[in-house]
Amino acid sequence: MSANLLVTRAREPREIRTAHATVLFADLRGYTGMVESLPAARVVPLLDEFFRVLGAAASQYAGKIYHMAGDGIMAGFGMNGESDGGAAEALAAGHAMLNGFAPVARRWRAELSVEAGIGIGLHLGEVAFGVLGPPKRKTTTLVGDTVNVAARLCSRARAGEVLFSCTIATALSISADTNGHGGARSFLQLPQFELRGRRGPIDIWCVPAPERLAL
C-alpha cells in the first residue's frame, strides 16, 4: 500500500531592499486628555486635520508616510539615495509640521479648550523595507534599529520640538563647534540619551521648544 505524497515547491525568498535613510516619527501630545474630554465622533475630524498637516509637510519635502496609527505617523526620507540620507529634508519637514500645526493648536485651545502639540524624533541609518501584515492586508513599512531610535527620540521630545540623533547632526555638519547654529535654525545639544535595551548612549540634539530655551 503506497501513501500519496503532496510535494510543494518552496517559495524563493524575496530579496529585501535596504536604504540609508532618515526616519521621522511624530505624534500628538495631549491626545489622551482630548479623547477623555470630547465625544469620540468629535475627535475624528480633529485627527483628520492633524494628519493632513503632517502629510502635507512630509510630501512637501519628498517624504513618504509608511505608518499611521492612533495619534502618530512614521515617515521616511532619502529613499532615492540622497547624499545626506534625507536628513535635511526630514528636518525641514519636522519644522514645517510644527509651524503648520501651531495655528491649529491655537484654534483647538480657543474653541475646544484642548491643549495639544507635536513631538518629533529623527534618526538616520540603514532601514529595510518590509512587506508585512496578514494576507490581503500587507503594507510596506520600514524596519530596523533606525526606526526604533527615531521612535524613542520622538517619545522623549517635548511638545513643539524636534529631537534628532548624532547621525543627523553629522550629515548636516552640526556640532558643538557650530555654536548651536545651522543655517537659519538654532540647535541645542542635549545630554546623551540611553535607550533601554540598546548598547551605549547616543548624542542627541534638538530644534528646541521655547520652554527648553528658558531652562
N, C-alpha and C. Protein backbone atom coordinates (compact mmCIF):
# COMPACT_ATOMS: atom_id res chain seq x y z
N MET A 1 0.86 -1.19 0.00
CA MET A 1 0.00 0.00 0.00
C MET A 1 0.89 1.24 0.00
N SER A 2 0.69 2.09 -0.94
CA SER A 2 1.53 3.28 -1.04
C SER A 2 0.76 4.51 -0.57
N ALA A 3 1.49 5.41 0.08
CA ALA A 3 0.87 6.64 0.57
C ALA A 3 1.04 7.73 -0.50
N ASN A 4 0.02 8.56 -0.62
CA ASN A 4 0.10 9.68 -1.55
C ASN A 4 0.88 10.81 -0.90
N LEU A 5 1.87 11.29 -1.57
CA LEU A 5 2.69 12.36 -1.03
C LEU A 5 2.36 13.66 -1.75
N LEU A 6 2.19 14.70 -0.96
CA LEU A 6 1.93 16.02 -1.52
C LEU A 6 3.22 16.82 -1.43
N VAL A 7 3.74 17.17 -2.57
CA VAL A 7 5.00 17.89 -2.61
C VAL A 7 4.73 19.32 -3.08
N THR A 8 5.19 20.26 -2.30
CA THR A 8 5.03 21.67 -2.68
C THR A 8 6.41 22.29 -2.85
N ARG A 9 6.52 23.16 -3.80
CA ARG A 9 7.79 23.83 -4.07
C ARG A 9 7.95 25.00 -3.10
N ALA A 10 9.08 25.04 -2.43
CA ALA A 10 9.32 26.15 -1.50
C ALA A 10 9.42 27.45 -2.28
N ARG A 11 8.79 28.48 -1.76
CA ARG A 11 8.82 29.78 -2.41
C ARG A 11 10.20 30.42 -2.23
N GLU A 12 10.72 30.94 -3.31
CA GLU A 12 12.01 31.62 -3.23
C GLU A 12 11.88 32.85 -2.33
N PRO A 13 12.81 33.03 -1.38
CA PRO A 13 12.72 34.21 -0.52
C PRO A 13 12.86 35.49 -1.34
N ARG A 14 12.01 36.45 -1.04
CA ARG A 14 12.04 37.71 -1.76
C ARG A 14 13.24 38.54 -1.28
N GLU A 15 13.93 39.14 -2.22
CA GLU A 15 15.06 40.00 -1.86
C GLU A 15 14.53 41.22 -1.12
N ILE A 16 15.15 41.50 0.00
CA ILE A 16 14.70 42.62 0.83
C ILE A 16 15.56 43.84 0.52
N ARG A 17 14.90 44.92 0.15
CA ARG A 17 15.61 46.15 -0.21
C ARG A 17 15.94 46.94 1.04
N THR A 18 17.10 47.55 1.05
CA THR A 18 17.51 48.40 2.16
C THR A 18 17.89 49.78 1.62
N ALA A 19 17.98 50.74 2.52
CA ALA A 19 18.37 52.10 2.13
C ALA A 19 19.01 52.79 3.31
N HIS A 20 19.87 53.74 3.00
CA HIS A 20 20.45 54.63 4.02
C HIS A 20 19.55 55.86 4.05
N ALA A 21 18.74 55.97 5.06
CA ALA A 21 17.66 56.95 5.03
C ALA A 21 17.37 57.51 6.42
N THR A 22 16.55 58.54 6.44
CA THR A 22 16.13 59.16 7.70
C THR A 22 14.70 58.79 8.00
N VAL A 23 14.47 58.38 9.24
CA VAL A 23 13.12 58.04 9.70
C VAL A 23 12.63 59.15 10.64
N LEU A 24 11.41 59.58 10.42
CA LEU A 24 10.77 60.61 11.23
C LEU A 24 9.55 60.03 11.91
N PHE A 25 9.47 60.19 13.22
CA PHE A 25 8.26 59.87 13.96
C PHE A 25 7.68 61.17 14.50
N ALA A 26 6.38 61.30 14.45
CA ALA A 26 5.69 62.46 15.02
C ALA A 26 4.42 61.99 15.68
N ASP A 27 4.16 62.49 16.88
CA ASP A 27 2.88 62.14 17.50
C ASP A 27 2.27 63.33 18.20
N LEU A 28 0.99 63.19 18.47
CA LEU A 28 0.18 64.28 19.00
C LEU A 28 0.23 64.24 20.53
N ARG A 29 0.71 65.31 21.13
CA ARG A 29 0.72 65.41 22.58
C ARG A 29 -0.60 66.03 23.05
N GLY A 30 -1.13 65.49 24.13
CA GLY A 30 -2.42 65.94 24.63
C GLY A 30 -3.58 65.11 24.14
N TYR A 31 -3.27 64.03 23.39
CA TYR A 31 -4.34 63.22 22.80
C TYR A 31 -5.18 62.51 23.86
N THR A 32 -4.53 62.01 24.90
CA THR A 32 -5.28 61.29 25.95
C THR A 32 -6.32 62.20 26.59
N GLY A 33 -5.92 63.42 26.92
CA GLY A 33 -6.87 64.37 27.50
C GLY A 33 -7.95 64.77 26.53
N MET A 34 -7.59 64.84 25.24
CA MET A 34 -8.56 65.22 24.22
C MET A 34 -9.67 64.18 24.10
N VAL A 35 -9.29 62.90 24.03
CA VAL A 35 -10.31 61.87 23.86
C VAL A 35 -11.13 61.67 25.13
N GLU A 36 -10.55 62.06 26.26
CA GLU A 36 -11.31 61.96 27.51
C GLU A 36 -12.37 63.05 27.60
N SER A 37 -12.06 64.23 27.09
CA SER A 37 -12.96 65.38 27.27
C SER A 37 -13.95 65.56 26.12
N LEU A 38 -13.70 64.93 24.96
CA LEU A 38 -14.56 65.14 23.80
C LEU A 38 -15.24 63.83 23.39
N PRO A 39 -16.45 63.91 22.81
CA PRO A 39 -17.07 62.70 22.26
C PRO A 39 -16.20 62.11 21.16
N ALA A 40 -16.23 60.79 21.04
CA ALA A 40 -15.38 60.12 20.06
C ALA A 40 -15.62 60.64 18.64
N ALA A 41 -16.88 60.91 18.30
CA ALA A 41 -17.19 61.40 16.96
C ALA A 41 -16.58 62.78 16.71
N ARG A 42 -16.38 63.55 17.78
CA ARG A 42 -15.79 64.89 17.62
C ARG A 42 -14.28 64.79 17.42
N VAL A 43 -13.68 63.71 17.90
CA VAL A 43 -12.23 63.55 17.79
C VAL A 43 -11.82 63.22 16.36
N VAL A 44 -12.68 62.52 15.62
CA VAL A 44 -12.32 62.05 14.28
C VAL A 44 -11.90 63.20 13.36
N PRO A 45 -12.68 64.28 13.21
CA PRO A 45 -12.23 65.36 12.32
C PRO A 45 -10.98 66.07 12.82
N LEU A 46 -10.76 66.08 14.14
CA LEU A 46 -9.54 66.69 14.67
C LEU A 46 -8.31 65.87 14.27
N LEU A 47 -8.42 64.56 14.39
CA LEU A 47 -7.31 63.71 13.96
C LEU A 47 -7.08 63.83 12.46
N ASP A 48 -8.16 63.93 11.70
CA ASP A 48 -8.02 64.07 10.26
C ASP A 48 -7.26 65.35 9.92
N GLU A 49 -7.58 66.43 10.62
CA GLU A 49 -6.88 67.70 10.40
C GLU A 49 -5.40 67.57 10.78
N PHE A 50 -5.14 66.92 11.88
CA PHE A 50 -3.77 66.70 12.35
C PHE A 50 -2.95 65.93 11.31
N PHE A 51 -3.53 64.82 10.81
CA PHE A 51 -2.80 64.01 9.84
C PHE A 51 -2.63 64.73 8.51
N ARG A 52 -3.56 65.59 8.15
CA ARG A 52 -3.41 66.37 6.91
C ARG A 52 -2.21 67.31 7.01
N VAL A 53 -2.04 67.94 8.17
CA VAL A 53 -0.90 68.84 8.36
C VAL A 53 0.41 68.07 8.24
N LEU A 54 0.49 66.93 8.90
CA LEU A 54 1.72 66.14 8.87
C LEU A 54 1.99 65.57 7.48
N GLY A 55 0.94 65.09 6.83
CA GLY A 55 1.11 64.53 5.50
C GLY A 55 1.56 65.57 4.49
N ALA A 56 1.00 66.77 4.57
CA ALA A 56 1.38 67.83 3.64
C ALA A 56 2.83 68.23 3.83
N ALA A 57 3.27 68.31 5.09
CA ALA A 57 4.66 68.67 5.37
C ALA A 57 5.63 67.60 4.87
N ALA A 58 5.28 66.33 5.08
CA ALA A 58 6.14 65.24 4.61
C ALA A 58 6.25 65.26 3.10
N SER A 59 5.12 65.42 2.41
CA SER A 59 5.12 65.43 0.94
C SER A 59 5.89 66.62 0.38
N GLN A 60 5.79 67.75 1.06
CA GLN A 60 6.48 68.96 0.60
C GLN A 60 7.98 68.73 0.51
N TYR A 61 8.52 67.88 1.38
CA TYR A 61 9.96 67.65 1.41
C TYR A 61 10.31 66.21 0.98
N ALA A 62 9.52 65.69 0.06
CA ALA A 62 9.81 64.41 -0.60
C ALA A 62 9.84 63.24 0.36
N GLY A 63 9.07 63.32 1.44
CA GLY A 63 8.97 62.20 2.37
C GLY A 63 7.77 61.34 2.05
N LYS A 64 7.80 60.12 2.56
CA LYS A 64 6.69 59.20 2.38
C LYS A 64 6.26 58.65 3.72
N ILE A 65 4.95 58.67 3.99
CA ILE A 65 4.43 58.12 5.23
C ILE A 65 4.26 56.61 5.07
N TYR A 66 4.91 55.86 5.95
CA TYR A 66 4.86 54.40 5.89
C TYR A 66 3.94 53.80 6.94
N HIS A 67 3.62 54.57 7.94
CA HIS A 67 2.77 54.01 9.00
C HIS A 67 2.01 55.14 9.68
N MET A 68 0.76 54.90 9.95
CA MET A 68 -0.07 55.85 10.67
C MET A 68 -0.94 55.06 11.63
N ALA A 69 -0.87 55.39 12.90
CA ALA A 69 -1.65 54.65 13.88
C ALA A 69 -1.97 55.56 15.06
N GLY A 70 -3.21 55.49 15.51
CA GLY A 70 -3.60 56.25 16.69
C GLY A 70 -3.41 57.74 16.49
N ASP A 71 -2.38 58.27 17.15
CA ASP A 71 -2.13 59.71 17.08
C ASP A 71 -0.73 60.01 16.56
N GLY A 72 -0.16 59.11 15.74
CA GLY A 72 1.19 59.36 15.26
C GLY A 72 1.45 58.79 13.88
N ILE A 73 2.58 59.20 13.30
CA ILE A 73 2.99 58.72 11.99
C ILE A 73 4.46 58.33 12.00
N MET A 74 4.84 57.51 11.04
CA MET A 74 6.25 57.25 10.73
C MET A 74 6.45 57.57 9.25
N ALA A 75 7.46 58.38 8.95
CA ALA A 75 7.74 58.76 7.57
C ALA A 75 9.21 58.50 7.27
N GLY A 76 9.51 58.28 6.00
CA GLY A 76 10.88 58.05 5.57
C GLY A 76 11.32 59.10 4.56
N PHE A 77 12.60 59.49 4.63
CA PHE A 77 13.18 60.49 3.74
C PHE A 77 14.53 59.96 3.23
N GLY A 78 14.87 60.34 2.00
CA GLY A 78 16.16 59.95 1.45
C GLY A 78 16.16 58.57 0.84
N MET A 79 15.01 58.07 0.45
CA MET A 79 14.91 56.72 -0.11
C MET A 79 15.49 56.62 -1.51
N ASN A 80 15.79 57.76 -2.13
CA ASN A 80 16.29 57.74 -3.50
C ASN A 80 17.79 58.00 -3.58
N GLY A 81 18.49 57.77 -2.47
CA GLY A 81 19.94 57.86 -2.49
C GLY A 81 20.51 59.25 -2.31
N GLU A 82 19.78 60.16 -1.66
CA GLU A 82 20.32 61.49 -1.40
C GLU A 82 21.62 61.39 -0.60
N SER A 83 22.55 62.30 -0.84
CA SER A 83 23.87 62.21 -0.24
C SER A 83 23.83 62.30 1.28
N ASP A 84 22.87 63.04 1.82
CA ASP A 84 22.78 63.17 3.28
C ASP A 84 21.75 62.22 3.88
N GLY A 85 21.30 61.25 3.09
CA GLY A 85 20.32 60.29 3.60
C GLY A 85 18.97 60.89 3.91
N GLY A 86 18.67 62.04 3.33
CA GLY A 86 17.38 62.68 3.58
C GLY A 86 17.31 63.47 4.87
N ALA A 87 18.47 63.68 5.52
CA ALA A 87 18.47 64.38 6.82
C ALA A 87 17.93 65.80 6.71
N ALA A 88 18.39 66.54 5.70
CA ALA A 88 17.96 67.93 5.55
C ALA A 88 16.46 68.01 5.28
N GLU A 89 15.97 67.12 4.40
CA GLU A 89 14.54 67.13 4.07
C GLU A 89 13.70 66.75 5.29
N ALA A 90 14.15 65.76 6.05
CA ALA A 90 13.38 65.33 7.22
C ALA A 90 13.33 66.42 8.28
N LEU A 91 14.46 67.10 8.50
CA LEU A 91 14.48 68.18 9.48
C LEU A 91 13.59 69.33 9.04
N ALA A 92 13.63 69.65 7.74
CA ALA A 92 12.76 70.71 7.22
C ALA A 92 11.29 70.32 7.35
N ALA A 93 10.99 69.04 7.09
CA ALA A 93 9.61 68.57 7.23
C ALA A 93 9.14 68.66 8.67
N GLY A 94 10.01 68.27 9.60
CA GLY A 94 9.65 68.38 11.01
C GLY A 94 9.35 69.81 11.41
N HIS A 95 10.18 70.73 10.92
CA HIS A 95 9.96 72.15 11.21
C HIS A 95 8.63 72.62 10.60
N ALA A 96 8.33 72.16 9.39
CA ALA A 96 7.08 72.53 8.73
C ALA A 96 5.87 71.96 9.48
N MET A 97 6.02 70.77 10.03
CA MET A 97 4.93 70.18 10.81
C MET A 97 4.61 71.04 12.03
N LEU A 98 5.66 71.47 12.73
CA LEU A 98 5.45 72.32 13.91
C LEU A 98 4.78 73.64 13.52
N ASN A 99 5.29 74.27 12.45
CA ASN A 99 4.72 75.54 12.02
C ASN A 99 3.29 75.38 11.52
N GLY A 100 3.03 74.28 10.79
CA GLY A 100 1.69 74.07 10.26
C GLY A 100 0.67 73.76 11.33
N PHE A 101 1.12 73.08 12.38
CA PHE A 101 0.17 72.70 13.41
C PHE A 101 -0.06 73.81 14.45
N ALA A 102 0.85 74.76 14.56
CA ALA A 102 0.74 75.80 15.58
C ALA A 102 -0.60 76.54 15.53
N PRO A 103 -1.05 77.03 14.36
CA PRO A 103 -2.36 77.72 14.34
C PRO A 103 -3.52 76.78 14.63
N VAL A 104 -3.38 75.51 14.25
CA VAL A 104 -4.43 74.53 14.55
C VAL A 104 -4.54 74.35 16.06
N ALA A 105 -3.39 74.23 16.72
CA ALA A 105 -3.39 74.06 18.18
C ALA A 105 -4.00 75.26 18.88
N ARG A 106 -3.71 76.46 18.36
CA ARG A 106 -4.29 77.66 18.97
C ARG A 106 -5.80 77.67 18.82
N ARG A 107 -6.30 77.24 17.65
CA ARG A 107 -7.74 77.20 17.43
C ARG A 107 -8.41 76.15 18.32
N TRP A 108 -7.80 74.98 18.44
CA TRP A 108 -8.35 73.95 19.32
C TRP A 108 -8.43 74.45 20.77
N ARG A 109 -7.40 75.18 21.18
CA ARG A 109 -7.38 75.70 22.55
C ARG A 109 -8.51 76.71 22.75
N ALA A 110 -8.70 77.60 21.77
CA ALA A 110 -9.72 78.64 21.91
C ALA A 110 -11.14 78.09 21.79
N GLU A 111 -11.36 77.15 20.86
CA GLU A 111 -12.71 76.68 20.60
C GLU A 111 -13.12 75.47 21.44
N LEU A 112 -12.14 74.64 21.82
CA LEU A 112 -12.47 73.37 22.48
C LEU A 112 -11.81 73.19 23.84
N SER A 113 -11.01 74.17 24.24
CA SER A 113 -10.24 74.06 25.50
C SER A 113 -9.35 72.82 25.50
N VAL A 114 -8.78 72.51 24.34
CA VAL A 114 -7.89 71.36 24.17
C VAL A 114 -6.46 71.85 24.05
N GLU A 115 -5.57 71.30 24.87
CA GLU A 115 -4.15 71.61 24.79
C GLU A 115 -3.46 70.51 23.99
N ALA A 116 -2.84 70.87 22.88
CA ALA A 116 -2.22 69.87 22.02
C ALA A 116 -0.92 70.41 21.43
N GLY A 117 -0.04 69.51 21.08
CA GLY A 117 1.22 69.85 20.44
C GLY A 117 1.77 68.63 19.72
N ILE A 118 2.92 68.79 19.09
CA ILE A 118 3.56 67.70 18.37
C ILE A 118 4.97 67.50 18.91
N GLY A 119 5.35 66.24 19.12
CA GLY A 119 6.73 65.88 19.41
C GLY A 119 7.27 65.08 18.24
N ILE A 120 8.52 65.35 17.83
CA ILE A 120 9.09 64.73 16.63
C ILE A 120 10.48 64.18 16.93
N GLY A 121 10.77 62.99 16.40
CA GLY A 121 12.09 62.38 16.54
C GLY A 121 12.64 61.95 15.20
N LEU A 122 13.95 62.14 14.98
CA LEU A 122 14.61 61.80 13.71
C LEU A 122 15.87 60.98 13.97
N HIS A 123 16.10 59.99 13.13
CA HIS A 123 17.35 59.24 13.17
C HIS A 123 17.69 58.78 11.77
N LEU A 124 18.98 58.79 11.45
CA LEU A 124 19.48 58.42 10.13
C LEU A 124 20.29 57.13 10.22
N GLY A 125 20.02 56.20 9.34
CA GLY A 125 20.76 54.95 9.32
C GLY A 125 20.17 53.99 8.30
N GLU A 126 20.55 52.75 8.39
CA GLU A 126 20.03 51.76 7.45
C GLU A 126 18.63 51.31 7.86
N VAL A 127 17.76 51.22 6.87
CA VAL A 127 16.42 50.67 7.08
C VAL A 127 16.17 49.58 6.05
N ALA A 128 15.32 48.66 6.41
CA ALA A 128 14.87 47.63 5.47
C ALA A 128 13.41 47.86 5.17
N PHE A 129 13.02 47.58 3.93
CA PHE A 129 11.63 47.70 3.53
C PHE A 129 10.96 46.34 3.72
N GLY A 130 10.02 46.28 4.64
CA GLY A 130 9.32 45.03 4.89
C GLY A 130 7.89 45.09 4.40
N VAL A 131 7.45 44.06 3.70
CA VAL A 131 6.06 43.95 3.29
C VAL A 131 5.39 43.00 4.29
N LEU A 132 4.65 43.58 5.22
CA LEU A 132 4.18 42.84 6.38
C LEU A 132 2.67 42.95 6.54
N GLY A 133 2.12 42.00 7.28
CA GLY A 133 0.70 42.01 7.58
C GLY A 133 0.04 40.71 7.18
N PRO A 134 -1.22 40.54 7.55
CA PRO A 134 -1.95 39.33 7.19
C PRO A 134 -2.23 39.29 5.69
N PRO A 135 -2.57 38.12 5.15
CA PRO A 135 -2.89 38.02 3.72
C PRO A 135 -3.95 39.03 3.31
N LYS A 136 -3.73 39.63 2.14
CA LYS A 136 -4.62 40.62 1.54
C LYS A 136 -4.63 41.95 2.30
N ARG A 137 -3.79 42.08 3.33
CA ARG A 137 -3.72 43.34 4.08
C ARG A 137 -2.26 43.79 4.25
N LYS A 138 -1.39 43.28 3.43
CA LYS A 138 0.03 43.59 3.57
C LYS A 138 0.33 45.02 3.14
N THR A 139 1.22 45.65 3.88
CA THR A 139 1.65 47.00 3.55
C THR A 139 3.17 47.09 3.68
N THR A 140 3.75 48.05 3.00
CA THR A 140 5.19 48.26 3.07
C THR A 140 5.49 49.17 4.25
N THR A 141 6.43 48.75 5.08
CA THR A 141 6.84 49.56 6.22
C THR A 141 8.35 49.53 6.33
N LEU A 142 8.90 50.29 7.27
CA LEU A 142 10.34 50.36 7.49
C LEU A 142 10.69 49.61 8.76
N VAL A 143 11.81 48.89 8.71
CA VAL A 143 12.21 48.03 9.82
C VAL A 143 13.68 48.26 10.12
N GLY A 144 14.04 48.17 11.41
CA GLY A 144 15.45 48.23 11.78
C GLY A 144 15.70 49.11 12.99
N ASP A 145 16.94 49.12 13.42
CA ASP A 145 17.35 49.91 14.58
C ASP A 145 17.09 51.39 14.37
N THR A 146 17.24 51.86 13.15
CA THR A 146 17.00 53.27 12.84
C THR A 146 15.57 53.66 13.20
N VAL A 147 14.64 52.79 12.90
CA VAL A 147 13.23 53.04 13.21
C VAL A 147 13.03 53.11 14.73
N ASN A 148 13.64 52.17 15.44
CA ASN A 148 13.48 52.12 16.89
C ASN A 148 14.03 53.38 17.56
N VAL A 149 15.22 53.82 17.12
CA VAL A 149 15.82 55.00 17.72
C VAL A 149 14.97 56.24 17.45
N ALA A 150 14.49 56.40 16.22
CA ALA A 150 13.65 57.55 15.89
C ALA A 150 12.39 57.57 16.75
N ALA A 151 11.79 56.40 16.96
CA ALA A 151 10.58 56.32 17.78
C ALA A 151 10.86 56.71 19.22
N ARG A 152 12.00 56.26 19.75
CA ARG A 152 12.35 56.60 21.14
C ARG A 152 12.64 58.09 21.28
N LEU A 153 13.30 58.68 20.29
CA LEU A 153 13.56 60.11 20.34
C LEU A 153 12.26 60.90 20.30
N CYS A 154 11.32 60.44 19.49
CA CYS A 154 10.01 61.10 19.43
C CYS A 154 9.33 61.06 20.79
N SER A 155 9.41 59.93 21.46
CA SER A 155 8.75 59.81 22.77
C SER A 155 9.37 60.73 23.80
N ARG A 156 10.66 61.07 23.61
CA ARG A 156 11.33 61.96 24.56
C ARG A 156 11.13 63.43 24.22
N ALA A 157 10.88 63.74 22.96
CA ALA A 157 10.74 65.14 22.53
C ALA A 157 9.58 65.81 23.24
N ARG A 158 9.79 67.05 23.62
CA ARG A 158 8.71 67.83 24.22
C ARG A 158 7.77 68.33 23.13
N ALA A 159 6.58 68.68 23.53
CA ALA A 159 5.64 69.26 22.57
C ALA A 159 6.24 70.51 21.96
N GLY A 160 6.27 70.56 20.65
CA GLY A 160 6.79 71.73 19.96
C GLY A 160 8.25 71.66 19.59
N GLU A 161 8.88 70.48 19.71
CA GLU A 161 10.29 70.41 19.35
C GLU A 161 10.61 69.17 18.54
N VAL A 162 11.71 69.28 17.78
CA VAL A 162 12.25 68.16 17.00
C VAL A 162 13.51 67.69 17.71
N LEU A 163 13.57 66.41 18.03
CA LEU A 163 14.75 65.81 18.66
C LEU A 163 15.43 64.93 17.62
N PHE A 164 16.73 65.11 17.42
CA PHE A 164 17.40 64.30 16.41
C PHE A 164 18.74 63.78 16.93
N SER A 165 19.19 62.69 16.30
CA SER A 165 20.37 61.98 16.77
C SER A 165 21.65 62.55 16.17
N CYS A 166 22.77 62.00 16.67
CA CYS A 166 24.08 62.42 16.18
C CYS A 166 24.28 62.09 14.71
N THR A 167 23.59 61.07 14.19
CA THR A 167 23.75 60.76 12.76
C THR A 167 23.17 61.87 11.89
N ILE A 168 22.08 62.46 12.35
CA ILE A 168 21.51 63.61 11.63
C ILE A 168 22.46 64.80 11.73
N ALA A 169 22.96 65.04 12.94
CA ALA A 169 23.88 66.16 13.15
C ALA A 169 25.12 66.03 12.27
N THR A 170 25.66 64.81 12.17
CA THR A 170 26.84 64.59 11.35
C THR A 170 26.54 64.85 9.87
N ALA A 171 25.40 64.36 9.40
CA ALA A 171 25.04 64.54 8.00
C ALA A 171 24.88 66.01 7.65
N LEU A 172 24.46 66.82 8.62
CA LEU A 172 24.23 68.24 8.37
C LEU A 172 25.36 69.12 8.90
N SER A 173 26.46 68.48 9.31
CA SER A 173 27.63 69.20 9.83
C SER A 173 27.29 70.09 11.00
N ILE A 174 26.45 69.57 11.89
CA ILE A 174 26.09 70.27 13.12
C ILE A 174 26.92 69.67 14.25
N SER A 175 27.61 70.51 15.00
CA SER A 175 28.41 70.04 16.11
C SER A 175 28.50 71.13 17.15
N ALA A 176 29.15 70.81 18.26
CA ALA A 176 29.33 71.82 19.30
C ALA A 176 30.12 73.02 18.75
N ASP A 177 30.96 72.78 17.74
CA ASP A 177 31.78 73.85 17.18
C ASP A 177 30.96 74.84 16.36
N THR A 178 29.73 74.47 15.99
CA THR A 178 28.89 75.39 15.21
C THR A 178 28.15 76.36 16.12
N ASN A 179 28.37 76.25 17.43
CA ASN A 179 27.71 77.11 18.41
C ASN A 179 26.20 77.02 18.35
N GLY A 180 25.72 75.82 17.98
CA GLY A 180 24.29 75.59 18.01
C GLY A 180 23.52 76.19 16.86
N HIS A 181 24.20 76.55 15.80
CA HIS A 181 23.50 77.16 14.67
C HIS A 181 23.78 76.37 13.40
N GLY A 182 22.73 76.22 12.59
CA GLY A 182 22.87 75.57 11.30
C GLY A 182 21.92 76.22 10.33
N GLY A 183 22.46 77.02 9.45
CA GLY A 183 21.58 77.75 8.53
C GLY A 183 20.75 78.76 9.31
N ALA A 184 19.43 78.74 9.08
CA ALA A 184 18.55 79.72 9.71
C ALA A 184 18.02 79.23 11.06
N ARG A 185 18.39 78.01 11.47
CA ARG A 185 17.81 77.46 12.68
C ARG A 185 18.84 77.37 13.80
N SER A 186 18.34 77.43 15.03
CA SER A 186 19.18 77.23 16.19
C SER A 186 18.97 75.81 16.71
N PHE A 187 20.07 75.18 17.16
CA PHE A 187 20.01 73.83 17.69
C PHE A 187 20.60 73.82 19.08
N LEU A 188 20.16 72.87 19.87
CA LEU A 188 20.63 72.74 21.24
C LEU A 188 21.09 71.31 21.45
N GLN A 189 22.36 71.14 21.88
CA GLN A 189 22.84 69.79 22.17
C GLN A 189 22.40 69.43 23.58
N LEU A 190 21.84 68.23 23.71
CA LEU A 190 21.31 67.77 24.98
C LEU A 190 22.23 66.70 25.58
N PRO A 191 22.03 66.38 26.86
CA PRO A 191 22.80 65.27 27.44
C PRO A 191 22.55 63.98 26.67
N GLN A 192 23.53 63.09 26.70
CA GLN A 192 23.40 61.84 25.97
C GLN A 192 22.15 61.08 26.40
N PHE A 193 21.59 60.38 25.44
CA PHE A 193 20.33 59.66 25.65
C PHE A 193 20.60 58.16 25.61
N GLU A 194 20.21 57.44 26.65
CA GLU A 194 20.40 56.00 26.70
C GLU A 194 19.06 55.30 26.46
N LEU A 195 18.99 54.51 25.43
CA LEU A 195 17.76 53.80 25.09
C LEU A 195 17.76 52.44 25.80
N ARG A 196 16.67 52.15 26.45
CA ARG A 196 16.55 50.89 27.17
C ARG A 196 16.74 49.71 26.22
N GLY A 197 17.65 48.79 26.59
CA GLY A 197 17.89 47.61 25.79
C GLY A 197 18.87 47.80 24.66
N ARG A 198 19.40 49.01 24.48
CA ARG A 198 20.36 49.28 23.40
C ARG A 198 21.72 49.59 23.99
N ARG A 199 22.77 49.08 23.38
CA ARG A 199 24.11 49.25 23.93
C ARG A 199 24.60 50.68 23.75
N GLY A 200 24.94 51.31 24.85
CA GLY A 200 25.57 52.61 24.80
C GLY A 200 24.63 53.77 24.53
N PRO A 201 24.87 54.92 25.17
CA PRO A 201 24.05 56.11 24.91
C PRO A 201 24.41 56.76 23.58
N ILE A 202 23.56 57.64 23.10
CA ILE A 202 23.83 58.36 21.85
C ILE A 202 23.76 59.87 22.11
N ASP A 203 24.51 60.61 21.32
CA ASP A 203 24.44 62.07 21.39
C ASP A 203 23.17 62.53 20.69
N ILE A 204 22.49 63.50 21.26
CA ILE A 204 21.25 63.99 20.67
C ILE A 204 21.21 65.51 20.65
N TRP A 205 20.46 66.03 19.70
CA TRP A 205 20.29 67.46 19.51
C TRP A 205 18.79 67.74 19.37
N CYS A 206 18.44 69.02 19.45
CA CYS A 206 17.04 69.35 19.20
C CYS A 206 16.90 70.73 18.58
N VAL A 207 15.81 70.87 17.82
CA VAL A 207 15.28 72.19 17.48
C VAL A 207 14.35 72.50 18.64
N PRO A 208 14.78 73.38 19.55
CA PRO A 208 14.10 73.45 20.85
C PRO A 208 12.76 74.17 20.83
N ALA A 209 11.88 73.68 21.72
CA ALA A 209 10.67 74.41 22.02
C ALA A 209 11.06 75.63 22.87
N PRO A 210 10.25 76.68 22.86
CA PRO A 210 10.61 77.89 23.62
C PRO A 210 10.90 77.62 25.09
N GLU A 211 10.14 76.69 25.71
CA GLU A 211 10.37 76.42 27.13
C GLU A 211 11.71 75.73 27.36
N ARG A 212 12.22 75.02 26.36
CA ARG A 212 13.53 74.38 26.50
C ARG A 212 14.60 75.48 26.59
N LEU A 213 14.47 76.53 25.80
CA LEU A 213 15.44 77.60 25.79
C LEU A 213 15.44 78.37 27.11
N ALA A 214 14.29 78.32 27.82
CA ALA A 214 14.18 79.04 29.07
C ALA A 214 14.89 78.33 30.21
N LEU A 215 15.27 77.07 30.03
CA LEU A 215 15.91 76.31 31.10
C LEU A 215 17.34 76.78 31.33
